[in-house]
C-alpha atoms as a PDB file:
ATOM      1  CA  MET A   1       5.778   7.554  12.871  1.00  0.00           C
ATOM      2  CA  ALA A   2       7.476   9.725  11.606  1.00  0.00           C
ATOM      3  CA  ARG A   3       7.340  13.225  13.237  1.00  0.00           C
ATOM      4  CA  ALA A   4       6.002  16.032  10.644  1.00  0.00           C
ATOM      5  CA  ARG A   5       8.243  19.440  10.377  1.00  0.00           C
ATOM      6  CA  VAL A   6       6.744  22.416   8.058  1.00  0.00           C
ATOM      7  CA  THR A   7      10.042  24.896   8.565  1.00  0.00           C
ATOM      8  CA  GLY A   8       9.981  27.571   7.166  1.00  0.00           C
ATOM      9  CA  ARG A   9      13.987  28.057   5.123  1.00  0.00           C
ATOM     10  CA  GLY A  10      15.713  31.284   4.346  1.00  0.00           C
ATOM     11  CA  ARG A  11      15.202  34.644   5.066  1.00  0.00           C
ATOM     12  CA  SER A  12      11.571  34.275   6.288  1.00  0.00           C
ATOM     13  CA  SER A  13      12.736  32.110   9.520  1.00  0.00           C
ATOM     14  CA  GLN A  14      16.101  33.891  10.353  1.00  0.00           C
ATOM     15  CA  ALA A  15      13.646  36.559  10.295  1.00  0.00           C
ATOM     16  CA  LEU A  16      11.906  35.278  13.025  1.00  0.00           C
ATOM     17  CA  GLN A  17      13.871  33.467  15.330  1.00  0.00           C
ATOM     18  CA  GLU A  18      15.998  37.062  14.944  1.00  0.00           C
ATOM     19  CA  LEU A  19      11.974  38.792  16.303  1.00  0.00           C
ATOM     20  CA  ARG A  20      11.887  36.283  18.887  1.00  0.00           C
ATOM     21  CA  ARG A  21      15.347  36.642  20.109  1.00  0.00           C
ATOM     22  CA  ARG A  22      14.479  40.886  20.730  1.00  0.00           C
ATOM     23  CA  MET A  23      11.448  39.532  22.004  1.00  0.00           C
ATOM     24  CA  LYS A  24      13.652  37.294  24.271  1.00  0.00           C
ATOM     25  CA  ALA A  25      15.657  40.629  25.051  1.00  0.00           C
ATOM     26  CA  ALA A  26      13.489  43.044  25.661  1.00  0.00           C
ATOM     27  CA  GLY A  27      11.422  40.826  28.179  1.00  0.00           C
ATOM     28  CA  ARG A  28       8.045  40.255  26.642  1.00  0.00           C
ATOM     29  CA  VAL A  29       8.615  35.908  26.475  1.00  0.00           C
ATOM     30  CA  ASP A  30       4.568  36.451  26.067  1.00  0.00           C
ATOM     31  CA  LEU A  31       4.575  37.635  23.001  1.00  0.00           C
ATOM     32  CA  ALA A  32       6.777  35.150  22.784  1.00  0.00           C
ATOM     33  CA  SER A  33       4.651  32.387  24.109  1.00  0.00           C
ATOM     34  CA  LYS A  34       1.481  34.517  22.585  1.00  0.00           C
ATOM     35  CA  MET A  35       3.631  33.835  18.934  1.00  0.00           C
ATOM     36  CA  ARG A  36       3.833  29.973  19.721  1.00  0.00           C
ATOM     37  CA  ARG A  37       0.177  29.711  20.518  1.00  0.00           C
ATOM     38  CA  GLN A  38      -1.408  31.271  16.912  1.00  0.00           C
ATOM     39  CA  ILE A  39       0.586  28.948  15.866  1.00  0.00           C
ATOM     40  CA  LYS A  40      -0.128  25.602  17.549  1.00  0.00           C
ATOM     41  CA  GLN A  41      -3.969  27.287  16.329  1.00  0.00           C
ATOM     42  CA  ALA A  42      -3.448  27.364  12.465  1.00  0.00           C
ATOM     43  CA  GLY A  43      -1.886  23.147  13.358  1.00  0.00           C
ATOM     44  CA  ASP A  44      -4.810  22.228  15.136  1.00  0.00           C
ATOM     45  CA  PRO A  45      -7.525  21.818  12.029  1.00  0.00           C
ATOM     46  CA  VAL A  46      -4.467  20.350   9.893  1.00  0.00           C
ATOM     47  CA  VAL A  47      -4.242  17.399  12.676  1.00  0.00           C
ATOM     48  CA  ALA A  48      -8.060  17.131  13.032  1.00  0.00           C
ATOM     49  CA  GLU A  49      -8.228  16.554   9.439  1.00  0.00           C
ATOM     50  CA  ILE A  50      -5.237  14.012   9.531  1.00  0.00           C
ATOM     51  CA  ARG A  51      -7.551  11.972  11.920  1.00  0.00           C
ATOM     52  CA  GLY A  52     -10.473  11.568   9.715  1.00  0.00           C
ATOM     53  CA  ALA A  53      -7.588  10.745   6.367  1.00  0.00           C
ATOM     54  CA  VAL A  54      -6.971   8.002   9.453  1.00  0.00           C
ATOM     55  CA  MET A  55     -10.719   6.722   9.473  1.00  0.00           C
ATOM     56  CA  GLN A  56     -10.684   6.376   5.739  1.00  0.00           C
ATOM     57  CA  VAL A  57      -7.086   5.029   4.951  1.00  0.00           C
ATOM     58  CA  GLN A  58      -8.028   1.581   2.549  1.00  0.00           C
ATOM     59  CA  VAL A  59      -5.528  -1.290   3.856  1.00  0.00           C
ATOM     60  CA  THR A  60      -5.010  -4.156   0.808  1.00  0.00           C
ATOM     61  CA  SER A  61      -3.927  -7.380   1.396  1.00  0.00           C
ATOM     62  CA  SER A  62      -1.874  -9.741  -0.435  1.00  0.00           C
ATOM     63  CA  ARG A  63      -4.808 -12.380  -0.604  1.00  0.00           C
ATOM     64  CA  GLY A  64      -6.535  -9.677  -2.768  1.00  0.00           C
ATOM     65  CA  GLY A  65      -9.271  -6.571  -2.486  1.00  0.00           C
ATOM     66  CA  GLN A  66      -9.648  -6.031   1.415  1.00  0.00           C
ATOM     67  CA  GLY A  67      -9.895  -7.695   4.554  1.00  0.00           C
ATOM     68  CA  HIS A  68     -12.794  -7.491   6.463  1.00  0.00           C
ATOM     69  CA  PRO A  69     -11.641  -9.080   9.531  1.00  0.00           C
ATOM     70  CA  LYS A  70     -14.254 -10.918  11.872  1.00  0.00           C
ATOM     71  CA  ARG A  71     -13.987  -8.405  15.189  1.00  0.00           C
ATOM     72  CA  SER A  72     -11.751  -5.484  14.525  1.00  0.00           C
ATOM     73  CA  THR A  73      -8.718  -4.797  15.955  1.00  0.00           C
ATOM     74  CA  ASN A  74      -9.571  -0.647  15.743  1.00  0.00           C
ATOM     75  CA  LEU A  75      -6.179  -0.524  14.673  1.00  0.00           C
ATOM     76  CA  ARG A  76      -7.776   3.647  12.756  1.00  0.00           C
ATOM     77  CA  ALA A  77      -9.632   4.632  15.968  1.00  0.00           C
ATOM     78  CA  ARG A  78      -6.278   3.972  18.155  1.00  0.00           C
ATOM     79  CA  VAL A  79      -3.946   5.504  15.536  1.00  0.00           C
ATOM     80  CA  ALA A  80      -6.450   8.437  15.395  1.00  0.00           C
ATOM     81  CA  ALA A  81      -6.533   8.595  18.700  1.00  0.00           C
ATOM     82  CA  ALA A  82      -2.441   9.254  19.213  1.00  0.00           C
ATOM     83  CA  THR A  83      -2.211  12.006  16.699  1.00  0.00           C
ATOM     84  CA  GLY A  84      -1.774  14.802  17.878  1.00  0.00           C
ATOM     85  CA  ILE A  85       0.552  18.440  18.502  1.00  0.00           C
ATOM     86  CA  SER A  86       1.860  19.754  21.060  1.00  0.00           C
ATOM     87  CA  GLN A  87       4.283  23.237  20.940  1.00  0.00           C
ATOM     88  CA  THR A  88       7.836  23.597  21.054  1.00  0.00           C
ATOM     89  CA  GLN A  89      10.447  26.498  20.920  1.00  0.00           C
ATOM     90  CA  LYS A  90      10.672  26.282  16.990  1.00  0.00           C
ATOM     91  CA  GLY A  91       6.088  25.485  16.906  1.00  0.00           C
ATOM     92  CA  ILE A  92       4.433  22.678  16.242  1.00  0.00           C
ATOM     93  CA  ARG A  93       4.966  19.738  16.008  1.00  0.00           C
ATOM     94  CA  ILE A  94       3.221  17.177  14.313  1.00  0.00           C
ATOM     95  CA  ARG A  95       3.039  13.182  15.233  1.00  0.00           C
ATOM     96  CA  VAL A  96       1.361   9.792  16.183  1.00  0.00           C
ATOM     97  CA  SER A  97       3.094   8.235  19.350  1.00  0.00           C
ATOM     98  CA  ALA A  98       3.574   5.140  18.265  1.00  0.00           C
ATOM     99  CA  ASN A  99       2.581   3.702  22.600  1.00  0.00           C
ATOM    100  CA  ARG A 100      -0.468   5.630  22.116  1.00  0.00           C
ATOM    101  CA  VAL A 101      -1.328   3.037  18.865  1.00  0.00           C
ATOM    102  CA  ASP A 102      -0.058  -0.377  20.797  1.00  0.00           C
ATOM    103  CA  PRO A 103       3.355  -0.397  22.494  1.00  0.00           C
ATOM    104  CA  GLN A 104       3.129  -4.359  21.713  1.00  0.00           C
ATOM    105  CA  TYR A 105       4.509  -3.057  18.272  1.00  0.00           C
ATOM    106  CA  GLY A 106       6.685   0.053  18.712  1.00  0.00           C
ATOM    107  CA  VAL A 107       7.064   2.353  16.418  1.00  0.00           C
ATOM    108  CA  THR A 108       5.953   0.448  13.219  1.00  0.00           C
ATOM    109  CA  LEU A 109       2.625   0.181  13.006  1.00  0.00           C
ATOM    110  CA  PRO A 110       1.881   3.555  12.553  1.00  0.00           C
ATOM    111  CA  ARG A 111       4.617   3.959   9.910  1.00  0.00           C
ATOM    112  CA  TYR A 112       3.057   0.731   8.002  1.00  0.00           C
ATOM    113  CA  LEU A 113      -0.213   2.142   8.073  1.00  0.00           C
ATOM    114  CA  ASP A 114       1.535   5.122   5.610  1.00  0.00           C
ATOM    115  CA  ALA A 115       2.402   3.910   2.954  1.00  0.00           C
ATOM    116  CA  SER A 116       3.950   7.517   1.197  1.00  0.00           C
ATOM    117  CA  LEU A 117       6.761   6.294   3.560  1.00  0.00           C
ATOM    118  CA  GLY A 118       7.711   4.119   1.003  1.00  0.00           C
ATOM    119  CA  GLY A 119      11.585   1.871   1.581  1.00  0.00           C
ATOM    120  CA  ARG A 120      11.097  -0.573   3.621  1.00  0.00           C
ATOM    121  CA  TRP A 121       7.575   0.733   5.498  1.00  0.00           C
ATOM    122  CA  VAL A 122       6.044   0.282   2.689  1.00  0.00           C
ATOM    123  CA  ARG A 123       3.995  -3.123   3.470  1.00  0.00           C
ATOM    124  CA  TRP A 124       3.671  -5.140   6.462  1.00  0.00           C
ATOM    125  CA  ARG A 125       3.333  -9.018   7.537  1.00  0.00           C
ATOM    126  CA  HIS A 126       1.332 -11.172   9.971  1.00  0.00           C
ATOM    127  CA  PRO A 127      -0.112 -14.056  10.798  1.00  0.00           C
ATOM    128  CA  ILE A 128      -3.793 -16.043  10.261  1.00  0.00           C
ATOM    129  CA  PHE A 129      -4.954 -18.710  10.857  1.00  0.00           C
ATOM    130  CA  TRP A 130      -6.527 -20.643   7.853  1.00  0.00           C
ATOM    131  CA  PRO A 131      -9.097 -23.244   8.756  1.00  0.00           C
ATOM    132  CA  GLY A 132      -7.609 -26.175   7.497  1.00  0.00           C
ATOM    133  CA  PRO A 133      -9.694 -29.626   6.696  1.00  0.00           C
ATOM    134  CA  ILE A 134     -11.767 -30.859   8.745  1.00  0.00           C
ATOM    135  CA  GLY A 135     -10.351 -32.816  12.604  1.00  0.00           C
ATOM    136  CA  THR A 136      -7.183 -30.615  11.372  1.00  0.00           C
ATOM    137  CA  ALA A 137      -5.593 -28.166  13.636  1.00  0.00           C
ATOM    138  CA  PRO A 138      -5.574 -24.943  11.464  1.00  0.00           C
ATOM    139  CA  ALA A 139      -3.217 -24.331   9.328  1.00  0.00           C
ATOM    140  CA  ARG A 140      -1.326 -20.791   9.737  1.00  0.00           C
ATOM    141  CA  ARG A 141       0.269 -19.180   7.516  1.00  0.00           C
ATOM    142  CA  VAL A 142       1.766 -14.844   6.327  1.00  0.00           C
ATOM    143  CA  THR A 143      -0.597 -11.838   4.472  1.00  0.00           C
ATOM    144  CA  GLN A 144       0.746  -9.088   3.531  1.00  0.00           C
ATOM    145  CA  GLN A 145      -0.977  -5.330   4.172  1.00  0.00           C
ATOM    146  CA  LYS A 146      -0.618  -2.299   3.179  1.00  0.00           C
ATOM    147  CA  GLY A 147      -2.221   1.193   3.956  1.00  0.00           C
ATOM    148  CA  SER A 148      -2.132   3.979   2.203  1.00  0.00           C
ATOM    149  CA  PRO A 149      -1.441   7.754   2.050  1.00  0.00           C
ATOM    150  CA  TYR A 150      -2.202   9.949   4.321  1.00  0.00           C
ATOM    151  CA  PHE A 151      -0.410  11.360   6.862  1.00  0.00           C
ATOM    152  CA  PHE A 152       2.199  14.054   5.074  1.00  0.00           C
ATOM    153  CA  ASP A 153      -0.303  14.012   2.103  1.00  0.00           C
ATOM    154  CA  THR A 154      -2.769  16.297   4.381  1.00  0.00           C
ATOM    155  CA  ILE A 155       0.421  18.229   6.060  1.00  0.00           C
ATOM    156  CA  ASN A 156       1.465  19.086   3.080  1.00  0.00           C
ATOM    157  CA  ARG A 157      -1.431  20.414   1.197  1.00  0.00           C
ATOM    158  CA  HIS A 158      -1.517  22.777   4.271  1.00  0.00           C
ATOM    159  CA  LYS A 159       2.037  24.372   3.944  1.00  0.00           C
ATOM    160  CA  GLU A 160       0.319  27.432   2.290  1.00  0.00           C
ATOM    161  CA  ASP A 161      -1.972  27.942   5.757  1.00  0.00           C
ATOM    162  CA  PHE A 162       1.109  27.326   8.284  1.00  0.00           C
ATOM    163  CA  SER A 163       3.933  29.824   5.932  1.00  0.00           C
ATOM    164  CA  ARG A 164       0.492  32.945   6.362  1.00  0.00           C
ATOM    165  CA  ALA A 165      -0.297  31.697   9.993  1.00  0.00           C
ATOM    166  CA  VAL A 166       3.520  31.717  10.446  1.00  0.00           C
ATOM    167  CA  ASP A 167       2.953  35.809   8.851  1.00  0.00           C
ATOM    168  CA  GLN A 168       0.350  36.781  10.721  1.00  0.00           C
ATOM    169  CA  ALA A 169       0.957  36.306  14.204  1.00  0.00           C
ATOM    170  CA  ALA A 170       4.332  37.653  14.104  1.00  0.00           C
ATOM    171  CA  GLN A 171       3.235  40.184  12.533  1.00  0.00           C
ATOM    172  CA  ASP A 172       0.670  40.552  15.650  1.00  0.00           C
ATOM    173  CA  ALA A 173       3.931  39.798  17.852  1.00  0.00           C
ATOM    174  CA  LEU A 174       5.794  42.387  16.227  1.00  0.00           C
ATOM    175  CA  ARG A 175       2.425  45.122  15.546  1.00  0.00           C
ATOM    176  CA  GLU A 176       1.995  44.251  20.258  1.00  0.00           C
ATOM    177  CA  MET A 177       5.907  44.677  20.803  1.00  0.00           C
ATOM    178  CA  LEU A 178       6.324  48.175  19.150  1.00  0.00           C
ATOM    179  CA  GLY A 179       2.765  49.709  19.476  1.00  0.00           C
END
């Protein structure tokens, strides 16, 4: 799935980079790590909310209504389990590991489930087996399905929370470095 990157722009981002440089120059790499951990902790509830949102995704079918297969593929649960957060040098990364969802489909299946991505990722097609008349082989037909937005919509609702968490982490690190 496309990686979600919530980044700061302008002076606040530059100030954060300058603070990291100063901590490194002062030999306080521990403060930079602590600051990144605080930012990651701010993202943990968002990941939990994304996991909940993916479990509520409504998948519609081209045949109308919502499909209720006789045997569930647990797609939503697999996508929720594959959603995670990791620390990077610049902050955090929230992503869905497509290989943990189903390596057979590569990166496409989690993208299809989130209808907000648009473009070619809005719908996916797959074969279904339609029972034919008694005594004949089942007919192979194709259906189209569409998910609903969950990933970026959830993250975008928390942009202000992320900004506050980054500011608070920077202030804490600066206070500890100076005091």
